[in-house]
C-alpha atoms as a PDB file:
ATOM      1  CA  MET A   1       0.000   0.000   0.000  1.00  0.00           C
ATOM      2  CA  GLN A   2       1.380   3.390  -0.923  1.00  0.00           C
ATOM      3  CA  PHE A   3       1.259   6.340   1.434  1.00  0.00           C
ATOM      4  CA  PHE A   4       0.750   9.913   0.501  1.00  0.00           C
ATOM      5  CA  ALA A   5       3.507  12.472   0.941  1.00  0.00           C
ATOM      6  CA  PHE A   6       2.794  14.808   3.852  1.00  0.00           C
ATOM      7  CA  ASP A   7       5.499  17.124   5.184  1.00  0.00           C
ATOM      8  CA  SER A   8       4.326  17.377   8.785  1.00  0.00           C
ATOM      9  CA  LEU A   9       7.247  19.603   9.837  1.00  0.00           C
ATOM     10  CA  ALA A  10       6.455  22.178   7.127  1.00  0.00           C
ATOM     11  CA  GLN A  11       2.785  22.137   8.095  1.00  0.00           C
ATOM     12  CA  ALA A  12       3.635  22.542  11.807  1.00  0.00           C
ATOM     13  CA  ASP A  13       5.859  25.543  10.939  1.00  0.00           C
ATOM     14  CA  LYS A  14       2.936  27.137   9.043  1.00  0.00           C
ATOM     15  CA  LEU A  15       0.670  26.641  12.042  1.00  0.00           C
ATOM     16  CA  GLU A  16       3.246  28.215  14.341  1.00  0.00           C
ATOM     17  CA  THR A  17       3.554  31.247  12.048  1.00  0.00           C
ATOM     18  CA  ILE A  18      -0.158  31.942  12.381  1.00  0.00           C
ATOM     19  CA  GLY A  19      -0.124  31.792  16.171  1.00  0.00           C
ATOM     20  CA  PHE A  20      -0.269  28.169  17.243  1.00  0.00           C
ATOM     21  CA  SER A  21       2.172  27.133  19.929  1.00  0.00           C
ATOM     22  CA  HIS A  22       4.739  24.453  19.059  1.00  0.00           C
ATOM     23  CA  GLU A  23       2.846  21.931  21.241  1.00  0.00           C
ATOM     24  CA  GLN A  24      -0.554  22.846  19.627  1.00  0.00           C
ATOM     25  CA  ALA A  25       0.862  22.577  16.084  1.00  0.00           C
ATOM     26  CA  LYS A  26       2.518  19.233  16.932  1.00  0.00           C
ATOM     27  CA  ILE A  27      -0.730  17.760  18.345  1.00  0.00           C
ATOM     28  CA  LEU A  28      -2.860  19.086  15.466  1.00  0.00           C
ATOM     29  CA  ILE A  29      -0.446  17.683  12.872  1.00  0.00           C
ATOM     30  CA  GLU A  30      -0.433  14.310  14.696  1.00  0.00           C
ATOM     31  CA  VAL A  31      -4.259  14.251  14.707  1.00  0.00           C
ATOM     32  CA  ILE A  32      -4.436  15.190  11.014  1.00  0.00           C
ATOM     33  CA  THR A  33      -1.753  12.600  10.150  1.00  0.00           C
ATOM     34  CA  MET A  34      -3.596   9.869  12.073  1.00  0.00           C
ATOM     35  CA  ALA A  35      -6.871  10.839  10.361  1.00  0.00           C
ATOM     36  CA  PHE A  36      -5.216  10.645   6.941  1.00  0.00           C
ATOM     37  CA  ILE A  37      -3.536   7.319   7.740  1.00  0.00           C
ATOM     38  CA  THR A  38      -6.772   5.832   9.103  1.00  0.00           C
ATOM     39  CA  SER A  39      -8.740   7.078   6.096  1.00  0.00           C
ATOM     40  CA  TYR A  40      -6.063   5.880   3.713  1.00  0.00           C
ATOM     41  CA  GLN A  41      -5.975   2.447   5.299  1.00  0.00           C
ATOM     42  CA  ASN A  42      -9.717   2.100   4.674  1.00  0.00           C
ATOM     43  CA  LEU A  43      -9.414   2.963   0.993  1.00  0.00           C
ATOM     44  CA  ALA A  44      -9.664   0.115  -1.480  1.00  0.00           C
ATOM     45  CA  THR A  45      -6.756  -0.470  -3.817  1.00  0.00           C
ATOM     46  CA  LYS A  46      -7.009  -1.600  -7.420  1.00  0.00           C
ATOM     47  CA  ASP A  47      -6.082  -5.084  -6.235  1.00  0.00           C
ATOM     48  CA  ASP A  48      -8.856  -4.952  -3.630  1.00  0.00           C
ATOM     49  CA  LEU A  49     -11.342  -3.885  -6.318  1.00  0.00           C
ATOM     50  CA  LEU A  50     -10.126  -6.621  -8.660  1.00  0.00           C
ATOM     51  CA  ILE A  51     -10.523  -9.248  -5.932  1.00  0.00           C
ATOM     52  CA  THR A  52     -14.023  -7.948  -5.142  1.00  0.00           C
ATOM     53  CA  LYS A  53     -14.880  -7.924  -8.834  1.00  0.00           C
ATOM     54  CA  ASN A  54     -13.711 -11.532  -9.210  1.00  0.00           C
ATOM     55  CA  ASP A  55     -15.622 -12.562  -6.082  1.00  0.00           C
ATOM     56  CA  LEU A  56     -18.771 -10.928  -7.465  1.00  0.00           C
ATOM     57  CA  HIS A  57     -18.309 -12.698 -10.800  1.00  0.00           C
ATOM     58  CA  HIS A  58     -17.994 -16.023  -8.976  1.00  0.00           C
ATOM     59  CA  GLU A  59     -21.102 -15.291  -6.909  1.00  0.00           C
ATOM     60  CA  ILE A  60     -23.042 -14.238 -10.004  1.00  0.00           C
ATOM     61  CA  ASP A  61     -21.946 -17.415 -11.812  1.00  0.00           C
ATOM     62  CA  ALA A  62     -22.976 -19.500  -8.804  1.00  0.00           C
ATOM     63  CA  LEU A  63     -26.368 -17.774  -8.652  1.00  0.00           C
ATOM     64  CA  ARG A  64     -26.788 -18.230 -12.387  1.00  0.00           C
ATOM     65  CA  SER A  65     -26.013 -21.926 -12.020  1.00  0.00           C
ATOM     66  CA  GLU A  66     -28.394 -22.289  -9.061  1.00  0.00           C
ATOM     67  CA  THR A  67     -31.121 -20.474 -10.991  1.00  0.00           C
ATOM     68  CA  HIS A  68     -30.541 -22.661 -14.036  1.00  0.00           C
ATOM     69  CA  ASN A  69     -30.730 -25.810 -11.898  1.00  0.00           C
ATOM     70  CA  ALA A  70     -33.857 -24.594 -10.110  1.00  0.00           C
ATOM     71  CA  LEU A  71     -35.521 -23.833 -13.446  1.00  0.00           C
ATOM     72  CA  ALA A  72     -34.563 -27.262 -14.750  1.00  0.00           C
ATOM     73  CA  GLU A  73     -36.097 -28.857 -11.656  1.00  0.00           C
ATOM     74  CA  LEU A  74     -39.261 -26.792 -12.099  1.00  0.00           C
ATOM     75  CA  ARG A  75     -39.473 -27.800 -15.753  1.00  0.00           C
ATOM     76  CA  ALA A  76     -39.097 -31.458 -14.788  1.00  0.00           C
ATOM     77  CA  GLU A  77     -41.804 -31.102 -12.115  1.00  0.00           C
ATOM     78  CA  PHE A  78     -44.123 -29.339 -14.578  1.00  0.00           C
ATOM     79  CA  LYS A  79     -43.541 -32.035 -17.194  1.00  0.00           C
ATOM     80  CA  LYS A  80     -44.298 -34.705 -14.598  1.00  0.00           C
ATOM     81  CA  ASP A  81     -47.442 -32.867 -13.449  1.00  0.00           C
ATOM     82  CA  ILE A  82     -48.578 -32.388 -17.043  1.00  0.00           C
ATOM     83  CA  ALA A  83     -47.995 -36.089 -17.789  1.00  0.00           C
ATOM     84  CA  GLU A  84     -50.009 -37.045 -14.698  1.00  0.00           C
ATOM     85  CA  LEU A  85     -52.836 -34.685 -15.680  1.00  0.00           C
ATOM     86  CA  ARG A  86     -52.765 -36.021 -19.233  1.00  0.00           C
ATOM     87  CA  ALA A  87     -53.053 -39.594 -17.915  1.00  0.00           C
ATOM     88  CA  GLU A  88     -55.915 -38.594 -15.612  1.00  0.00           C
ATOM     89  CA  PHE A  89     -57.722 -36.828 -18.467  1.00  0.00           C
ATOM     90  CA  LYS A  90     -57.263 -39.832 -20.757  1.00  0.00           C
ATOM     91  CA  LYS A  91     -58.667 -42.089 -18.045  1.00  0.00           C
ATOM     92  CA  ASP A  92     -61.600 -39.727 -17.434  1.00  0.00           C
ATOM     93  CA  ILE A  93     -62.301 -39.465 -21.164  1.00  0.00           C
ATOM     94  CA  ALA A  94     -62.190 -43.253 -21.536  1.00  0.00           C
ATOM     95  CA  GLU A  95     -64.611 -43.627 -18.611  1.00  0.00           C
ATOM     96  CA  LEU A  96     -66.931 -40.998 -20.099  1.00  0.00           C
ATOM     97  CA  ARG A  97     -66.720 -42.721 -23.476  1.00  0.00           C
ATOM     98  CA  ASP A  98     -67.659 -46.072 -21.899  1.00  0.00           C
ATOM     99  CA  GLU A  99     -70.509 -44.496 -19.926  1.00  0.00           C
ATOM    100  CA  THR A 100     -71.765 -42.755 -23.058  1.00  0.00           C
ATOM    101  CA  LYS A 101     -71.635 -46.001 -25.052  1.00  0.00           C
ATOM    102  CA  GLN A 102     -73.536 -47.770 -22.292  1.00  0.00           C
ATOM    103  CA  GLU A 103     -76.170 -45.025 -22.160  1.00  0.00           C
ATOM    104  CA  ILE A 104     -76.519 -45.110 -25.951  1.00  0.00           C
ATOM    105  CA  ALA A 105     -76.999 -48.880 -25.838  1.00  0.00           C
ATOM    106  CA  GLU A 106     -79.639 -48.476 -23.114  1.00  0.00           C
ATOM    107  CA  LEU A 107     -81.387 -45.774 -25.164  1.00  0.00           C
ATOM    108  CA  ARG A 108     -81.370 -48.053 -28.235  1.00  0.00           C
ATOM    109  CA  LEU A 109     -82.981 -50.828 -26.212  1.00  0.00           C
ATOM    110  CA  GLU A 110     -85.580 -48.404 -24.916  1.00  0.00           C
ATOM    111  CA  ILE A 111     -86.260 -47.176 -28.461  1.00  0.00           C
ATOM    112  CA  GLN A 112     -86.656 -50.802 -29.628  1.00  0.00           C
ATOM    113  CA  LYS A 113     -89.126 -51.448 -26.790  1.00  0.00           C
ATOM    114  CA  LEU A 114     -91.024 -48.285 -27.672  1.00  0.00           C
ATOM    115  CA  ARG A 115     -91.145 -49.362 -31.334  1.00  0.00           C
ATOM    116  CA  ALA A 116     -92.402 -52.805 -30.356  1.00  0.00           C
ATOM    117  CA  ASP A 117     -95.045 -51.227 -28.097  1.00  0.00           C
ATOM    118  CA  PHE A 118     -95.968 -48.809 -30.885  1.00  0.00           C
ATOM    119  CA  GLU A 119     -96.286 -51.621 -33.433  1.00  0.00           C
ATOM    120  CA  LYS A 120     -98.319 -53.707 -30.974  1.00  0.00           C
ATOM    121  CA  ASN A 121    -100.589 -50.766 -30.189  1.00  0.00           C
ATOM    122  CA  ASN A 122    -100.750 -49.878 -33.881  1.00  0.00           C
ATOM    123  CA  SER A 123    -101.783 -53.450 -34.737  1.00  0.00           C
ATOM    124  CA  ALA A 124    -104.415 -53.404 -31.995  1.00  0.00           C
ATOM    125  CA  LEU A 125    -105.732 -50.092 -33.291  1.00  0.00           C
ATOM    126  CA  ILE A 126    -105.881 -51.444 -36.851  1.00  0.00           C
ATOM    127  CA  ILE A 127    -107.806 -54.491 -35.619  1.00  0.00           C
ATOM    128  CA  LYS A 128    -110.212 -52.301 -33.639  1.00  0.00           C
ATOM    129  CA  LEU A 129    -110.568 -49.919 -36.565  1.00  0.00           C
ATOM    130  CA  SER A 130    -111.275 -52.879 -38.840  1.00  0.00           C
ATOM    131  CA  ALA A 131    -113.894 -54.156 -36.410  1.00  0.00           C
ATOM    132  CA  VAL A 132    -115.490 -50.725 -36.252  1.00  0.00           C
ATOM    133  CA  THR A 133    -115.442 -50.537 -40.038  1.00  0.00           C
ATOM    134  CA  VAL A 134    -117.028 -53.993 -40.402  1.00  0.00           C
ATOM    135  CA  THR A 135    -119.628 -53.070 -37.812  1.00  0.00           C
ATOM    136  CA  ALA A 136    -120.336 -49.778 -39.521  1.00  0.00           C
ATOM    137  CA  ASN A 137    -120.610 -51.514 -42.895  1.00  0.00           C
ATOM    138  CA  GLY A 138    -122.989 -54.046 -41.374  1.00  0.00           C
ATOM    139  CA  LEU A 139    -125.119 -51.299 -39.874  1.00  0.00           C
ATOM    140  CA  PHE A 140    -125.055 -49.384 -43.097  1.00  0.00           C
ATOM    141  CA  LEU A 141    -126.210 -52.469 -45.054  1.00  0.00           C
ATOM    142  CA  SER A 142    -128.872 -53.192 -42.461  1.00  0.00           C
ATOM    143  CA  LEU A 143    -130.144 -49.651 -42.647  1.00  0.00           C
ATOM    144  CA  PHE A 144    -129.980 -49.730 -46.385  1.00  0.00           C
ATOM    145  CA  LYS A 145    -132.136 -52.925 -46.468  1.00  0.00           C
ATOM    146  CA  VAL A 146    -134.593 -51.444 -44.017  1.00  0.00           C
ATOM    147  CA  PHE A 147    -135.035 -48.199 -45.919  1.00  0.00           C
ATOM    148  CA  ALA A 148    -134.615 -49.454 -49.401  1.00  0.00           C
END
């Protein structure tokens, strides 16, 4: 570490010429010198700054690496979660598909029963309508014979 050049004797002489006693000038110069030395010792050198810069680069690289690893872990977790959700959705869709097929089959059976009931009722109505027609024809012929 380099020190600054400070001619304390010349500065003490200047203080004495403006009215300070030799003892006052000596003490003041000692205080000022100590203040300068203390301040100077706390100053960072180029080497100190370079070391700090390198330390910061290492810390930044470490943080970058940690962040990269954390993101990779998150991606892996998200991929796993997405795969699990996809499997659940496929299972749910398959179940819904099976339920829908079963309901369609049940509806087809119900439609077939309704058709059979309709055809049965339709046949019964045709028979009744035929009977009514025969009866009406018979009445009409009877009335025709009576009034003719």
